[in-house]
């Protein structure tokens, strides 16, 4: 159960006061709720500082994503070269980025077939004969 710190503090204060008046718990043995209240209070304060939602971490680290994009660009350049079309890696990157933007994606996964990749690139490249 999540409780606001103020409410928890109020309840802990009430508990502290009841320790002085009761002295014993229901079993007749001395109660030591002050130790519990102090440690629970610290935990409540700590949990109040933590965000409600955990931050999602990406599947791949930054270097793995960069390697993946570099591999994709290399494959795109090779797919065009197979048809004797020469483009720089920067141009291939920009063309695939525009193709991805058409689908509201930051970077689409390449198609399995190089011909499909080539056709997608050709729509976004301004080639001169």
Protein backbone atom coordinates (compact mmCIF):
# COMPACT_ATOMS: atom_id res chain seq x y z
CA UNK A 1 0.00 0.00 0.00
CA UNK A 2 1.35 3.44 -0.90
CA UNK A 3 0.61 6.16 1.59
CA UNK A 4 1.53 9.86 1.52
CA UNK A 5 4.47 10.66 3.78
CA UNK A 6 2.42 13.17 5.80
CA UNK A 7 -0.23 10.56 6.60
CA UNK A 8 2.40 7.99 7.49
CA UNK A 9 4.17 10.47 9.75
CA UNK A 10 0.88 11.30 11.49
CA UNK A 11 0.16 7.61 12.08
CA UNK A 12 3.71 7.00 13.31
CA UNK A 13 3.32 9.89 15.80
CA UNK A 14 0.06 8.40 17.06
CA UNK A 15 1.81 5.05 17.41
CA UNK A 16 4.66 6.66 19.37
CA UNK A 17 2.18 8.26 21.76
CA UNK A 18 0.31 5.00 22.27
CA UNK A 19 3.55 3.24 23.23
CA UNK A 20 3.91 5.54 26.21
CA UNK A 21 0.34 5.01 27.40
CA UNK A 22 0.02 1.28 26.75
CA UNK A 23 3.50 0.03 27.59
CA UNK A 24 2.52 -3.54 26.70
CA UNK A 25 1.01 -5.04 23.60
CA UNK A 26 -2.07 -7.30 23.68
CA UNK A 27 0.01 -10.32 24.70
CA UNK A 28 1.17 -8.61 27.84
CA UNK A 29 4.78 -8.30 26.69
CA UNK A 30 6.44 -4.91 26.35
CA UNK A 31 5.89 -3.47 22.89
CA UNK A 32 8.66 -1.87 20.89
CA UNK A 33 6.77 -0.16 18.09
CA UNK A 34 9.05 2.87 18.16
CA UNK A 35 11.76 0.90 16.34
CA UNK A 36 9.29 -0.29 13.72
CA UNK A 37 7.89 3.20 13.23
CA UNK A 38 11.34 4.71 12.77
CA UNK A 39 12.47 2.20 10.17
CA UNK A 40 9.11 2.25 8.35
CA UNK A 41 9.19 6.04 8.34
CA UNK A 42 12.59 6.01 6.60
CA UNK A 43 11.31 3.50 4.03
CA UNK A 44 8.19 5.59 3.43
CA UNK A 45 10.29 8.71 2.90
CA UNK A 46 12.53 6.83 0.46
CA UNK A 47 9.59 5.41 -1.49
CA UNK A 48 7.99 8.86 -1.68
CA UNK A 49 11.07 10.11 -3.57
CA UNK A 50 10.97 7.30 -6.14
CA UNK A 51 9.10 7.93 -9.40
CA UNK A 52 5.69 6.36 -9.84
CA UNK A 53 6.61 4.80 -13.18
CA UNK A 54 9.85 3.00 -13.83
CA UNK A 55 11.88 4.33 -16.73
CA UNK A 56 11.92 1.97 -19.70
CA UNK A 57 15.34 1.06 -20.96
CA UNK A 58 15.90 0.39 -24.66
CA UNK A 59 16.53 -3.17 -25.79
CA UNK A 60 19.87 -2.31 -27.31
CA UNK A 61 22.56 -0.12 -25.95
CA UNK A 62 23.61 2.95 -27.91
CA UNK A 63 26.60 1.24 -29.52
CA UNK A 64 24.55 -1.76 -30.64
CA UNK A 65 21.97 0.54 -32.26
CA UNK A 66 24.74 2.46 -34.02
CA UNK A 67 26.29 -0.80 -35.28
CA UNK A 68 22.88 -1.94 -36.46
CA UNK A 69 22.31 1.28 -38.44
CA UNK A 70 25.83 1.12 -39.85
CA UNK A 71 25.21 -2.47 -40.97
CA UNK A 72 21.89 -1.42 -42.54
CA UNK A 73 23.53 1.44 -44.44
CA UNK A 74 26.28 -0.87 -45.67
CA UNK A 75 23.63 -3.30 -46.92
CA UNK A 76 21.67 -0.50 -48.62
CA UNK A 77 24.78 0.77 -50.43
CA UNK A 78 25.55 -2.82 -51.54
CA UNK A 79 21.97 -3.36 -52.74
CA UNK A 80 22.25 -0.30 -54.96
CA UNK A 81 25.77 -1.21 -56.11
CA UNK A 82 24.44 -4.57 -57.30
CA UNK A 83 22.47 -2.57 -59.89
CA UNK A 84 25.49 -0.35 -60.66
CA UNK A 85 24.05 2.57 -58.72
CA UNK A 86 26.69 4.34 -56.64
CA UNK A 87 25.64 6.32 -53.58
CA UNK A 88 27.53 7.46 -50.52
CA UNK A 89 26.66 5.95 -47.16
CA UNK A 90 25.37 9.38 -46.09
CA UNK A 91 22.98 9.52 -49.05
CA UNK A 92 21.79 5.96 -48.40
CA UNK A 93 21.24 6.82 -44.76
CA UNK A 94 19.29 9.98 -45.63
CA UNK A 95 17.14 8.16 -48.19
CA UNK A 96 16.27 5.34 -45.76
CA UNK A 97 15.59 7.91 -43.04
CA UNK A 98 13.10 9.67 -45.34
CA UNK A 99 11.55 6.29 -46.20
CA UNK A 100 11.20 5.55 -42.47
CA UNK A 101 9.67 8.99 -41.90
CA UNK A 102 6.97 8.11 -44.45
CA UNK A 103 5.84 5.44 -41.97
CA UNK A 104 6.26 7.68 -38.89
CA UNK A 105 9.26 5.63 -37.76
CA UNK A 106 12.69 6.82 -36.74
CA UNK A 107 14.40 3.89 -38.51
CA UNK A 108 12.61 1.00 -40.19
CA UNK A 109 14.06 -2.47 -40.19
CA UNK A 110 15.29 -3.34 -43.66
CA UNK A 111 13.15 -5.60 -45.81
CA UNK A 112 14.34 -9.17 -46.27
CA UNK A 113 14.66 -8.72 -50.04
CA UNK A 114 17.34 -6.34 -51.28
CA UNK A 115 15.14 -5.50 -54.26
CA UNK A 116 12.46 -4.10 -51.92
CA UNK A 117 15.12 -2.07 -50.11
CA UNK A 118 16.46 -0.79 -53.42
CA UNK A 119 12.98 0.25 -54.62
CA UNK A 120 12.31 2.08 -51.36
CA UNK A 121 15.63 3.93 -51.65
CA UNK A 122 15.11 4.88 -55.29
CA UNK A 123 11.89 6.70 -54.36
CA UNK A 124 13.91 8.96 -52.07
CA UNK A 125 17.11 9.47 -54.08
CA UNK A 126 17.61 12.11 -56.74
CA UNK A 127 19.79 10.20 -59.18
CA UNK A 128 21.43 11.74 -62.23
CA UNK A 129 22.07 9.66 -65.31
